[in-house]
Amino acid sequence: MRKETLKCVITFDSTSQAMKMEKISKENSFEGRLIPLPTIISAGCGLSFCTPIENTEKAEELMSSNHIEYNKIYQLLI
């Protein structure tokens, strides 16, 4: 069984914003990926972006500079 680690999980209101985050992160070599919305969260479009917890601030900067609208940022054991 894989060990759970603390991650930054970002939720979005729309699939298009989630996919934009994935595209921008790849273009900027930013570590992270789209995942299904964890079951303990009930919000948004059903997709979320997951990145290591130490990347939280950089993720916020990346979304702000690229006009990506997000719902909320969580810190979860995944």
PDB file of N, CA and C in Angstrom:
ATOM      1  N   MET A   1       0.835  -1.187   0.000  1.00  0.00           N
ATOM      2  CA  MET A   1       0.000   0.000   0.000  1.00  0.00           C
ATOM      3  C   MET A   1       0.879   1.249   0.000  1.00  0.00           C
ATOM      4  N   ARG A   2       0.489   2.213  -0.789  1.00  0.00           N
ATOM      5  CA  ARG A   2       1.233   3.461  -0.904  1.00  0.00           C
ATOM      6  C   ARG A   2       1.022   4.329   0.337  1.00  0.00           C
ATOM      7  N   LYS A   3       2.080   4.963   0.790  1.00  0.00           N
ATOM      8  CA  LYS A   3       2.006   5.845   1.955  1.00  0.00           C
ATOM      9  C   LYS A   3       1.366   7.169   1.556  1.00  0.00           C
ATOM     10  N   GLU A   4       0.414   7.628   2.361  1.00  0.00           N
ATOM     11  CA  GLU A   4      -0.228   8.912   2.099  1.00  0.00           C
ATOM     12  C   GLU A   4       0.716  10.044   2.482  1.00  0.00           C
ATOM     13  N   THR A   5       0.713  11.101   1.671  1.00  0.00           N
ATOM     14  CA  THR A   5       1.515  12.284   1.969  1.00  0.00           C
ATOM     15  C   THR A   5       0.634  13.520   1.865  1.00  0.00           C
ATOM     16  N   LEU A   6       1.030  14.566   2.551  1.00  0.00           N
ATOM     17  CA  LEU A   6       0.285  15.816   2.523  1.00  0.00           C
ATOM     18  C   LEU A   6       0.462  16.473   1.168  1.00  0.00           C
ATOM     19  N   LYS A   7      -0.655  16.810   0.533  1.00  0.00           N
ATOM     20  CA  LYS A   7      -0.640  17.413  -0.805  1.00  0.00           C
ATOM     21  C   LYS A   7      -1.486  18.680  -0.818  1.00  0.00           C
ATOM     22  N   CYS A   8      -1.190  19.521  -1.766  1.00  0.00           N
ATOM     23  CA  CYS A   8      -2.007  20.688  -2.069  1.00  0.00           C
ATOM     24  C   CYS A   8      -3.014  20.247  -3.130  1.00  0.00           C
ATOM     25  N   VAL A   9      -4.302  20.394  -2.837  1.00  0.00           N
ATOM     26  CA  VAL A   9      -5.355  20.015  -3.775  1.00  0.00           C
ATOM     27  C   VAL A   9      -6.183  21.261  -4.075  1.00  0.00           C
ATOM     28  N   ILE A  10      -6.230  21.619  -5.351  1.00  0.00           N
ATOM     29  CA  ILE A  10      -6.923  22.833  -5.784  1.00  0.00           C
ATOM     30  C   ILE A  10      -8.190  22.434  -6.523  1.00  0.00           C
ATOM     31  N   THR A  11      -9.324  23.004  -6.110  1.00  0.00           N
ATOM     32  CA  THR A  11     -10.589  22.704  -6.770  1.00  0.00           C
ATOM     33  C   THR A  11     -10.989  23.860  -7.685  1.00  0.00           C
ATOM     34  N   PHE A  12     -11.805  23.529  -8.675  1.00  0.00           N
ATOM     35  CA  PHE A  12     -12.235  24.494  -9.684  1.00  0.00           C
ATOM     36  C   PHE A  12     -13.744  24.406  -9.868  1.00  0.00           C
ATOM     37  N   ASP A  13     -14.353  25.519 -10.291  1.00  0.00           N
ATOM     38  CA  ASP A  13     -15.784  25.519 -10.571  1.00  0.00           C
ATOM     39  C   ASP A  13     -16.088  24.973 -11.957  1.00  0.00           C
ATOM     40  N   SER A  14     -15.095  24.994 -12.836  1.00  0.00           N
ATOM     41  CA  SER A  14     -15.341  24.516 -14.201  1.00  0.00           C
ATOM     42  C   SER A  14     -14.205  23.623 -14.681  1.00  0.00           C
ATOM     43  N   THR A  15     -14.567  22.684 -15.520  1.00  0.00           N
ATOM     44  CA  THR A  15     -13.587  21.777 -16.113  1.00  0.00           C
ATOM     45  C   THR A  15     -12.578  22.547 -16.950  1.00  0.00           C
ATOM     46  N   SER A  16     -13.032  23.596 -17.629  1.00  0.00           N
ATOM     47  CA  SER A  16     -12.122  24.360 -18.490  1.00  0.00           C
ATOM     48  C   SER A  16     -11.002  25.013 -17.682  1.00  0.00           C
ATOM     49  N   GLN A  17     -11.304  25.493 -16.477  1.00  0.00           N
ATOM     50  CA  GLN A  17     -10.267  26.098 -15.639  1.00  0.00           C
ATOM     51  C   GLN A  17      -9.294  25.034 -15.120  1.00  0.00           C
ATOM     52  N   ALA A  18      -9.810  23.861 -14.789  1.00  0.00           N
ATOM     53  CA  ALA A  18      -8.948  22.759 -14.343  1.00  0.00           C
ATOM     54  C   ALA A  18      -8.003  22.344 -15.466  1.00  0.00           C
ATOM     55  N   MET A  19      -8.531  22.238 -16.679  1.00  0.00           N
ATOM     56  CA  MET A  19      -7.704  21.835 -17.814  1.00  0.00           C
ATOM     57  C   MET A  19      -6.694  22.923 -18.178  1.00  0.00           C
ATOM     58  N   LYS A  20      -7.079  24.177 -17.992  1.00  0.00           N
ATOM     59  CA  LYS A  20      -6.150  25.277 -18.236  1.00  0.00           C
ATOM     60  C   LYS A  20      -4.986  25.203 -17.250  1.00  0.00           C
ATOM     61  N   MET A  21      -5.279  24.871 -15.987  1.00  0.00           N
ATOM     62  CA  MET A  21      -4.217  24.725 -14.988  1.00  0.00           C
ATOM     63  C   MET A  21      -3.267  23.602 -15.380  1.00  0.00           C
ATOM     64  N   GLU A  22      -3.811  22.497 -15.859  1.00  0.00           N
ATOM     65  CA  GLU A  22      -2.962  21.381 -16.286  1.00  0.00           C
ATOM     66  C   GLU A  22      -2.061  21.811 -17.449  1.00  0.00           C
ATOM     67  N   LYS A  23      -2.630  22.503 -18.422  1.00  0.00           N
ATOM     68  CA  LYS A  23      -1.871  22.958 -19.592  1.00  0.00           C
ATOM     69  C   LYS A  23      -0.760  23.927 -19.183  1.00  0.00           C
ATOM     70  N   ILE A  24      -1.101  24.925 -18.370  1.00  0.00           N
ATOM     71  CA  ILE A  24      -0.127  25.930 -17.940  1.00  0.00           C
ATOM     72  C   ILE A  24       0.971  25.292 -17.089  1.00  0.00           C
ATOM     73  N   SER A  25       0.606  24.339 -16.252  1.00  0.00           N
ATOM     74  CA  SER A  25       1.619  23.689 -15.409  1.00  0.00           C
ATOM     75  C   SER A  25       2.613  22.911 -16.262  1.00  0.00           C
ATOM     76  N   LYS A  26       2.131  22.252 -17.304  1.00  0.00           N
ATOM     77  CA  LYS A  26       3.041  21.520 -18.200  1.00  0.00           C
ATOM     78  C   LYS A  26       3.958  22.485 -18.945  1.00  0.00           C
ATOM     79  N   GLU A  27       3.399  23.580 -19.427  1.00  0.00           N
ATOM     80  CA  GLU A  27       4.190  24.578 -20.159  1.00  0.00           C
ATOM     81  C   GLU A  27       5.280  25.193 -19.284  1.00  0.00           C
ATOM     82  N   ASN A  28       5.035  25.242 -17.977  1.00  0.00           N
ATOM     83  CA  ASN A  28       5.985  25.849 -17.038  1.00  0.00           C
ATOM     84  C   ASN A  28       6.783  24.817 -16.247  1.00  0.00           C
ATOM     85  N   SER A  29       6.714  23.567 -16.656  1.00  0.00           N
ATOM     86  CA  SER A  29       7.406  22.466 -15.958  1.00  0.00           C
ATOM     87  C   SER A  29       7.104  22.477 -14.460  1.00  0.00           C
ATOM     88  N   PHE A  30       5.842  22.738 -14.141  1.00  0.00           N
ATOM     89  CA  PHE A  30       5.385  22.790 -12.752  1.00  0.00           C
ATOM     90  C   PHE A  30       4.851  21.418 -12.357  1.00  0.00           C
ATOM     91  N   GLU A  31       5.321  20.892 -11.248  1.00  0.00           N
ATOM     92  CA  GLU A  31       4.941  19.552 -10.806  1.00  0.00           C
ATOM     93  C   GLU A  31       3.496  19.516 -10.323  1.00  0.00           C
ATOM     94  N   GLY A  32       2.716  18.617 -10.898  1.00  0.00           N
ATOM     95  CA  GLY A  32       1.332  18.440 -10.491  1.00  0.00           C
ATOM     96  C   GLY A  32       0.542  17.756 -11.591  1.00  0.00           C
ATOM     97  N   ARG A  33      -0.691  17.356 -11.244  1.00  0.00           N
ATOM     98  CA  ARG A  33      -1.536  16.690 -12.233  1.00  0.00           C
ATOM     99  C   ARG A  33      -2.995  16.801 -11.827  1.00  0.00           C
ATOM    100  N   LEU A  34      -3.871  16.608 -12.807  1.00  0.00           N
ATOM    101  CA  LEU A  34      -5.297  16.576 -12.523  1.00  0.00           C
ATOM    102  C   LEU A  34      -5.644  15.236 -11.892  1.00  0.00           C
ATOM    103  N   ILE A  35      -6.519  15.288 -10.899  1.00  0.00           N
ATOM    104  CA  ILE A  35      -7.016  14.073 -10.255  1.00  0.00           C
ATOM    105  C   ILE A  35      -8.528  14.219 -10.072  1.00  0.00           C
ATOM    106  N   PRO A  36      -9.238  13.100  -9.915  1.00  0.00           N
ATOM    107  CA  PRO A  36     -10.661  13.214  -9.571  1.00  0.00           C
ATOM    108  C   PRO A  36     -10.800  13.917  -8.221  1.00  0.00           C
ATOM    109  N   LEU A  37     -11.853  14.651  -8.069  1.00  0.00           N
ATOM    110  CA  LEU A  37     -12.101  15.356  -6.813  1.00  0.00           C
ATOM    111  C   LEU A  37     -12.184  14.348  -5.667  1.00  0.00           C
ATOM    112  N   PRO A  38     -11.358  14.495  -4.632  1.00  0.00           N
ATOM    113  CA  PRO A  38     -11.429  13.565  -3.497  1.00  0.00           C
ATOM    114  C   PRO A  38     -12.836  13.541  -2.896  1.00  0.00           C
ATOM    115  N   THR A  39     -13.269  12.378  -2.460  1.00  0.00           N
ATOM    116  CA  THR A  39     -14.644  12.211  -1.981  1.00  0.00           C
ATOM    117  C   THR A  39     -14.965  13.040  -0.743  1.00  0.00           C
ATOM    118  N   ILE A  40     -13.960  13.437   0.016  1.00  0.00           N
ATOM    119  CA  ILE A  40     -14.231  14.244   1.216  1.00  0.00           C
ATOM    120  C   ILE A  40     -14.534  15.702   0.877  1.00  0.00           C
ATOM    121  N   ILE A  41     -14.369  16.071  -0.383  1.00  0.00           N
ATOM    122  CA  ILE A  41     -14.661  17.436  -0.835  1.00  0.00           C
ATOM    123  C   ILE A  41     -15.879  17.383  -1.749  1.00  0.00           C
ATOM    124  N   SER A  42     -16.838  18.247  -1.504  1.00  0.00           N
ATOM    125  CA  SER A  42     -17.992  18.322  -2.405  1.00  0.00           C
ATOM    126  C   SER A  42     -18.066  19.742  -2.950  1.00  0.00           C
ATOM    127  N   ALA A  43     -17.456  19.927  -4.107  1.00  0.00           N
ATOM    128  CA  ALA A  43     -17.446  21.252  -4.721  1.00  0.00           C
ATOM    129  C   ALA A  43     -16.991  21.137  -6.157  1.00  0.00           C
ATOM    130  N   GLY A  44     -17.321  22.122  -6.929  1.00  0.00           N
ATOM    131  CA  GLY A  44     -16.727  22.271  -8.247  1.00  0.00           C
ATOM    132  C   GLY A  44     -17.132  21.271  -9.298  1.00  0.00           C
ATOM    133  N   CYS A  45     -16.188  21.055 -10.205  1.00  0.00           N
ATOM    134  CA  CYS A  45     -16.462  20.338 -11.450  1.00  0.00           C
ATOM    135  C   CYS A  45     -16.150  18.852 -11.419  1.00  0.00           C
ATOM    136  N   GLY A  46     -15.598  18.348 -10.349  1.00  0.00           N
ATOM    137  CA  GLY A  46     -15.249  16.933 -10.300  1.00  0.00           C
ATOM    138  C   GLY A  46     -13.784  16.657 -10.567  1.00  0.00           C
ATOM    139  N   LEU A  47     -13.043  17.685 -10.977  1.00  0.00           N
ATOM    140  CA  LEU A  47     -11.599  17.563 -11.179  1.00  0.00           C
ATOM    141  C   LEU A  47     -10.886  18.502 -10.215  1.00  0.00           C
ATOM    142  N   SER A  48      -9.703  18.106  -9.820  1.00  0.00           N
ATOM    143  CA  SER A  48      -8.874  18.972  -8.985  1.00  0.00           C
ATOM    144  C   SER A  48      -7.428  18.820  -9.432  1.00  0.00           C
ATOM    145  N   PHE A  49      -6.604  19.776  -9.041  1.00  0.00           N
ATOM    146  CA  PHE A  49      -5.185  19.742  -9.382  1.00  0.00           C
ATOM    147  C   PHE A  49      -4.423  19.431  -8.110  1.00  0.00           C
ATOM    148  N   CYS A  50      -3.546  18.447  -8.191  1.00  0.00           N
ATOM    149  CA  CYS A  50      -2.781  17.995  -7.032  1.00  0.00           C
ATOM    150  C   CYS A  50      -1.298  18.271  -7.255  1.00  0.00           C
ATOM    151  N   THR A  51      -0.661  18.869  -6.251  1.00  0.00           N
ATOM    152  CA  THR A  51       0.764  19.171  -6.313  1.00  0.00           C
ATOM    153  C   THR A  51       1.353  19.008  -4.910  1.00  0.00           C
ATOM    154  N   PRO A  52       2.644  18.785  -4.790  1.00  0.00           N
ATOM    155  CA  PRO A  52       3.237  18.692  -3.451  1.00  0.00           C
ATOM    156  C   PRO A  52       2.945  19.953  -2.631  1.00  0.00           C
ATOM    157  N   ILE A  53       2.783  19.770  -1.348  1.00  0.00           N
ATOM    158  CA  ILE A  53       2.399  20.862  -0.452  1.00  0.00           C
ATOM    159  C   ILE A  53       3.360  22.045  -0.522  1.00  0.00           C
ATOM    160  N   GLU A  54       4.634  21.779  -0.751  1.00  0.00           N
ATOM    161  CA  GLU A  54       5.607  22.873  -0.808  1.00  0.00           C
ATOM    162  C   GLU A  54       5.427  23.754  -2.048  1.00  0.00           C
ATOM    163  N   ASN A  55       4.587  23.334  -2.990  1.00  0.00           N
ATOM    164  CA  ASN A  55       4.337  24.112  -4.208  1.00  0.00           C
ATOM    165  C   ASN A  55       3.090  24.985  -4.114  1.00  0.00           C
ATOM    166  N   THR A  56       2.461  25.046  -2.961  1.00  0.00           N
ATOM    167  CA  THR A  56       1.194  25.772  -2.818  1.00  0.00           C
ATOM    168  C   THR A  56       1.312  27.232  -3.248  1.00  0.00           C
ATOM    169  N   GLU A  57       2.296  27.934  -2.731  1.00  0.00           N
ATOM    170  CA  GLU A  57       2.453  29.357  -3.059  1.00  0.00           C
ATOM    171  C   GLU A  57       2.733  29.557  -4.546  1.00  0.00           C
ATOM    172  N   LYS A  58       3.587  28.728  -5.116  1.00  0.00           N
ATOM    173  CA  LYS A  58       3.905  28.816  -6.544  1.00  0.00           C
ATOM    174  C   LYS A  58       2.663  28.522  -7.385  1.00  0.00           C
ATOM    175  N   ALA A  59       1.833  27.586  -6.944  1.00  0.00           N
ATOM    176  CA  ALA A  59       0.593  27.272  -7.666  1.00  0.00           C
ATOM    177  C   ALA A  59      -0.329  28.488  -7.689  1.00  0.00           C
ATOM    178  N   GLU A  60      -0.442  29.162  -6.550  1.00  0.00           N
ATOM    179  CA  GLU A  60      -1.271  30.368  -6.483  1.00  0.00           C
ATOM    180  C   GLU A  60      -0.739  31.453  -7.417  1.00  0.00           C
ATOM    181  N   GLU A  61       0.573  31.632  -7.448  1.00  0.00           N
ATOM    182  CA  GLU A  61       1.188  32.620  -8.339  1.00  0.00           C
ATOM    183  C   GLU A  61       0.939  32.261  -9.803  1.00  0.00           C
ATOM    184  N   LEU A  62       1.083  30.983 -10.129  1.00  0.00           N
ATOM    185  CA  LEU A  62       0.878  30.514 -11.497  1.00  0.00           C
ATOM    186  C   LEU A  62      -0.566  30.748 -11.938  1.00  0.00           C
ATOM    187  N   MET A  63      -1.516  30.457 -11.060  1.00  0.00           N
ATOM    188  CA  MET A  63      -2.926  30.671 -11.402  1.00  0.00           C
ATOM    189  C   MET A  63      -3.235  32.154 -11.546  1.00  0.00           C
ATOM    190  N   SER A  64      -2.708  32.966 -10.658  1.00  0.00           N
ATOM    191  CA  SER A  64      -2.948  34.405 -10.715  1.00  0.00           C
ATOM    192  C   SER A  64      -2.387  35.023 -11.990  1.00  0.00           C
ATOM    193  N   SER A  65      -1.158  34.684 -12.320  1.00  0.00           N
ATOM    194  CA  SER A  65      -0.521  35.283 -13.497  1.00  0.00           C
ATOM    195  C   SER A  65      -1.118  34.791 -14.812  1.00  0.00           C
ATOM    196  N   ASN A  66      -1.847  33.671 -14.779  1.00  0.00           N
ATOM    197  CA  ASN A  66      -2.462  33.128 -15.988  1.00  0.00           C
ATOM    198  C   ASN A  66      -3.987  33.220 -15.965  1.00  0.00           C
ATOM    199  N   HIS A  67      -4.510  34.001 -15.034  1.00  0.00           N
ATOM    200  CA  HIS A  67      -5.950  34.260 -14.926  1.00  0.00           C
ATOM    201  C   HIS A  67      -6.768  32.974 -14.844  1.00  0.00           C
ATOM    202  N   ILE A  68      -6.299  32.051 -14.016  1.00  0.00           N
ATOM    203  CA  ILE A  68      -7.012  30.798 -13.790  1.00  0.00           C
ATOM    204  C   ILE A  68      -7.846  30.961 -12.526  1.00  0.00           C
ATOM    205  N   GLU A  69      -9.150  30.756 -12.664  1.00  0.00           N
ATOM    206  CA  GLU A  69     -10.055  30.893 -11.531  1.00  0.00           C
ATOM    207  C   GLU A  69     -10.196  29.551 -10.824  1.00  0.00           C
ATOM    208  N   TYR A  70      -9.962  29.554  -9.520  1.00  0.00           N
ATOM    209  CA  TYR A  70     -10.094  28.324  -8.748  1.00  0.00           C
ATOM    210  C   TYR A  70     -11.101  28.527  -7.630  1.00  0.00           C
ATOM    211  N   ASN A  71     -11.574  27.420  -7.095  1.00  0.00           N
ATOM    212  CA  ASN A  71     -12.569  27.462  -6.038  1.00  0.00           C
ATOM    213  C   ASN A  71     -11.901  27.591  -4.677  1.00  0.00           C
ATOM    214  N   LYS A  72     -11.077  26.592  -4.319  1.00  0.00           N
ATOM    215  CA  LYS A  72     -10.454  26.576  -2.999  1.00  0.00           C
ATOM    216  C   LYS A  72      -9.189  25.731  -3.045  1.00  0.00           C
ATOM    217  N   ILE A  73      -8.274  26.002  -2.118  1.00  0.00           N
ATOM    218  CA  ILE A  73      -7.052  25.214  -1.989  1.00  0.00           C
ATOM    219  C   ILE A  73      -7.117  24.462  -0.659  1.00  0.00           C
ATOM    220  N   TYR A  74      -6.928  23.148  -0.744  1.00  0.00           N
ATOM    221  CA  TYR A  74      -6.962  22.278   0.433  1.00  0.00           C
ATOM    222  C   TYR A  74      -5.589  21.673   0.675  1.00  0.00           C
ATOM    223  N   GLN A  75      -5.330  21.304   1.912  1.00  0.00           N
ATOM    224  CA  GLN A  75      -4.163  20.498   2.264  1.00  0.00           C
ATOM    225  C   GLN A  75      -4.713  19.164   2.747  1.00  0.00           C
ATOM    226  N   LEU A  76      -4.441  18.102   1.971  1.00  0.00           N
ATOM    227  CA  LEU A  76      -5.019  16.793   2.256  1.00  0.00           C
ATOM    228  C   LEU A  76      -3.967  15.703   2.248  1.00  0.00           C
ATOM    229  N   LEU A  77      -4.190  14.675   3.045  1.00  0.00           N
ATOM    230  CA  LEU A  77      -3.366  13.471   2.977  1.00  0.00           C
ATOM    231  C   LEU A  77      -3.909  12.614   1.842  1.00  0.00           C
ATOM    232  N   ILE A  78      -3.083  12.423   0.833  1.00  0.00           N
ATOM    233  CA  ILE A  78      -3.493  11.620  -0.333  1.00  0.00           C
ATOM    234  C   ILE A  78      -2.441  10.567  -0.567  1.00  0.00           C
TER     235      ILE A  78
END
